[in-house]
């Protein structure tokens, strides 16, 4: 019985370390693999800006990071404000119904104890995971932003408003 508890404790510690090693929500940064921002110049004053998050990044964060990147692109191009010509947030969902892993246990037969380890599939309730990607085509302009255009954003105001919420990658 003591060996069984020790194995379960060791298994729990290993599981916690594995989970701790998993990444959290996508930080704000240039696209790496399938997560992060990217921007593509389309014309002199038009860009496509995207931000893709991982399955731990919520939709609002993905959309805010895309707006933040649009503001950065606007200022980097020497302009003051941007208009979103069109935008979309795409979702990719996965559903899982099984878990697999390392399992262990023990049994006692008269005066002998037997300990075993195996690999198996364990049915779990279905659970879903979603990844979001926000995409916008923007036009950038100089001067003051028009007050009556709900699709127009002052780049400096966006950076100021969203800046405190931006989570950048941790430096190693």
Protein backbone atom coordinates (compact mmCIF):
# COMPACT_ATOMS: atom_id res chain seq x y z
CA UNK A 1 0.00 0.00 0.00
CA UNK A 2 2.86 2.34 0.82
CA UNK A 3 4.43 1.79 -2.61
CA UNK A 4 1.10 2.56 -4.26
CA UNK A 5 0.76 5.89 -2.45
CA UNK A 6 4.35 6.76 -3.25
CA UNK A 7 3.75 5.98 -6.96
CA UNK A 8 0.58 8.08 -6.99
CA UNK A 9 2.42 10.96 -5.31
CA UNK A 10 5.27 10.74 -7.81
CA UNK A 11 2.73 10.55 -10.65
CA UNK A 12 0.92 13.62 -9.34
CA UNK A 13 4.18 15.57 -9.10
CA UNK A 14 5.18 14.56 -12.64
CA UNK A 15 1.71 15.52 -13.90
CA UNK A 16 1.93 18.92 -12.21
CA UNK A 17 5.37 19.52 -13.73
CA UNK A 18 4.09 18.58 -17.18
CA UNK A 19 1.15 20.94 -16.83
CA UNK A 20 3.39 23.71 -15.51
CA UNK A 21 5.58 23.27 -18.57
CA UNK A 22 2.60 23.77 -20.87
CA UNK A 23 2.29 27.23 -22.25
CA UNK A 24 -0.31 29.65 -21.04
CA UNK A 25 -2.26 32.08 -23.20
CA UNK A 26 -0.41 33.36 -26.27
CA UNK A 27 1.65 36.42 -25.31
CA UNK A 28 1.77 39.46 -27.58
CA UNK A 29 4.55 38.91 -30.08
CA UNK A 30 5.39 38.15 -33.67
CA UNK A 31 3.86 34.96 -35.03
CA UNK A 32 5.67 31.78 -34.09
CA UNK A 33 4.22 28.59 -35.54
CA UNK A 34 0.45 29.26 -35.39
CA UNK A 35 0.24 31.94 -32.67
CA UNK A 36 1.05 35.64 -32.52
CA UNK A 37 0.64 38.66 -34.79
CA UNK A 38 1.44 39.20 -38.42
CA UNK A 39 0.87 42.07 -40.80
CA UNK A 40 1.04 42.24 -44.56
CA UNK A 41 1.23 45.44 -46.62
CA UNK A 42 -1.45 45.38 -49.32
CA UNK A 43 -1.01 48.89 -50.81
CA UNK A 44 0.67 52.13 -49.71
CA UNK A 45 -1.91 52.80 -47.01
CA UNK A 46 -3.53 49.36 -46.58
CA UNK A 47 -2.48 46.42 -44.42
CA UNK A 48 -3.87 43.07 -43.35
CA UNK A 49 -3.28 42.59 -39.61
CA UNK A 50 -3.88 39.33 -37.77
CA UNK A 51 -3.45 37.92 -34.30
CA UNK A 52 -3.88 34.20 -33.64
CA UNK A 53 -4.07 32.82 -30.12
CA UNK A 54 -3.66 29.33 -28.78
CA UNK A 55 -6.49 27.38 -27.14
CA UNK A 56 -5.81 29.16 -23.83
CA UNK A 57 -6.22 32.67 -25.28
CA UNK A 58 -9.77 34.03 -25.09
CA UNK A 59 -11.52 35.79 -27.94
CA UNK A 60 -11.43 39.29 -26.38
CA UNK A 61 -7.67 39.08 -25.89
CA UNK A 62 -7.12 37.96 -29.49
CA UNK A 63 -9.25 40.84 -30.80
CA UNK A 64 -7.54 43.40 -28.54
CA UNK A 65 -4.09 42.21 -29.58
CA UNK A 66 -5.09 42.56 -33.25
CA UNK A 67 -6.22 46.17 -32.60
CA UNK A 68 -3.00 46.88 -30.71
CA UNK A 69 -0.97 45.57 -33.65
CA UNK A 70 -3.02 47.67 -36.08
CA UNK A 71 -2.14 50.76 -34.02
CA UNK A 72 1.56 49.84 -34.06
CA UNK A 73 1.49 49.29 -37.84
CA UNK A 74 -0.23 52.69 -38.29
CA UNK A 75 2.42 54.58 -36.32
CA UNK A 76 5.28 52.61 -37.92
CA UNK A 77 4.02 53.73 -41.33
CA UNK A 78 4.13 57.37 -40.21
CA UNK A 79 0.34 57.76 -39.92
CA UNK A 80 -1.93 58.80 -37.03
CA UNK A 81 -5.14 56.82 -37.27
CA UNK A 82 -6.56 53.76 -38.96
CA UNK A 83 -9.92 52.65 -40.29
CA UNK A 84 -10.96 49.02 -40.23
CA UNK A 85 -12.24 48.27 -43.72
CA UNK A 86 -13.34 44.77 -42.72
CA UNK A 87 -12.65 42.37 -39.91
CA UNK A 88 -13.37 38.83 -38.88
CA UNK A 89 -12.69 36.56 -35.96
CA UNK A 90 -12.34 32.93 -36.90
CA UNK A 91 -12.65 30.06 -34.47
CA UNK A 92 -11.17 26.59 -34.74
CA UNK A 93 -12.70 24.12 -32.28
CA UNK A 94 -11.61 20.67 -31.18
CA UNK A 95 -13.55 18.22 -29.08
CA UNK A 96 -11.92 15.42 -27.13
CA UNK A 97 -13.58 12.43 -25.58
CA UNK A 98 -10.67 10.29 -24.48
CA UNK A 99 -7.58 10.72 -22.38
CA UNK A 100 -4.51 8.57 -22.43
CA UNK A 101 -1.70 8.27 -20.00
CA UNK A 102 0.37 6.23 -17.64
CA UNK A 103 -1.56 4.39 -14.97
CA UNK A 104 -0.33 2.41 -12.00
CA UNK A 105 -1.73 0.33 -9.20
CA UNK A 106 -1.03 -2.42 -6.76
CA UNK A 107 -2.70 -5.55 -5.49
CA UNK A 108 -2.05 -7.84 -2.56
CA UNK A 109 -2.17 -11.62 -2.90
CA UNK A 110 -1.77 -13.42 0.43
CA UNK A 111 1.77 -12.61 1.50
CA UNK A 112 2.93 -11.00 -1.76
CA UNK A 113 2.24 -7.60 -3.17
CA UNK A 114 2.22 -6.99 -6.89
CA UNK A 115 2.76 -3.60 -8.49
CA UNK A 116 2.01 -2.83 -12.11
CA UNK A 117 2.25 0.05 -14.52
CA UNK A 118 0.44 0.29 -17.83
CA UNK A 119 -0.57 2.63 -20.60
CA UNK A 120 -4.22 2.93 -21.44
CA UNK A 121 -7.08 4.96 -22.77
CA UNK A 122 -9.57 6.33 -20.31
CA UNK A 123 -12.91 7.71 -21.51
CA UNK A 124 -13.64 11.23 -20.29
CA UNK A 125 -16.61 13.51 -20.82
CA UNK A 126 -16.37 15.47 -24.06
CA UNK A 127 -14.67 18.82 -23.73
CA UNK A 128 -14.03 21.47 -26.30
CA UNK A 129 -11.06 23.71 -26.98
CA UNK A 130 -11.15 26.72 -29.27
CA UNK A 131 -8.48 28.81 -30.96
CA UNK A 132 -9.32 32.31 -32.17
CA UNK A 133 -7.74 34.35 -34.93
CA UNK A 134 -8.71 38.00 -35.49
CA UNK A 135 -8.10 39.41 -38.97
CA UNK A 136 -8.57 42.99 -40.15
CA UNK A 137 -7.87 44.93 -43.32
CA UNK A 138 -6.98 48.46 -42.30
CA UNK A 139 -6.34 51.76 -44.03
CA UNK A 140 -3.93 54.20 -42.36
CA UNK A 141 -4.19 58.01 -42.49
CA UNK A 142 -2.49 61.19 -41.29
CA UNK A 143 -4.17 63.89 -39.26
CA UNK A 144 -7.14 63.80 -36.92
CA UNK A 145 -9.43 60.80 -36.79
CA UNK A 146 -12.98 61.55 -37.95
CA UNK A 147 -15.27 61.63 -34.92
CA UNK A 148 -18.33 60.23 -36.73
CA UNK A 149 -16.70 57.04 -38.07
CA UNK A 150 -17.19 54.05 -35.71
CA UNK A 151 -14.54 52.08 -37.63
CA UNK A 152 -11.84 54.74 -37.16
CA UNK A 153 -9.27 54.46 -34.35
CA UNK A 154 -6.63 56.91 -33.15
CA UNK A 155 -3.46 54.80 -33.03
CA UNK A 156 -1.94 56.52 -29.99
CA UNK A 157 -5.19 56.23 -28.05
CA UNK A 158 -5.41 52.50 -28.82
CA UNK A 159 -1.84 51.95 -27.64
CA UNK A 160 -2.50 53.95 -24.50
CA UNK A 161 -5.80 52.18 -23.72
CA UNK A 162 -4.76 48.61 -24.49
CA UNK A 163 -1.07 48.85 -23.54
CA UNK A 164 -1.59 47.96 -19.85
CA UNK A 165 -3.43 44.74 -20.84
CA UNK A 166 -0.76 43.47 -23.22
CA UNK A 167 1.14 40.43 -21.94
CA UNK A 168 4.51 40.18 -23.61
CA UNK A 169 6.61 36.99 -23.74
CA UNK A 170 8.74 36.32 -20.69
CA UNK A 171 12.43 36.75 -21.36
CA UNK A 172 14.48 33.66 -20.60
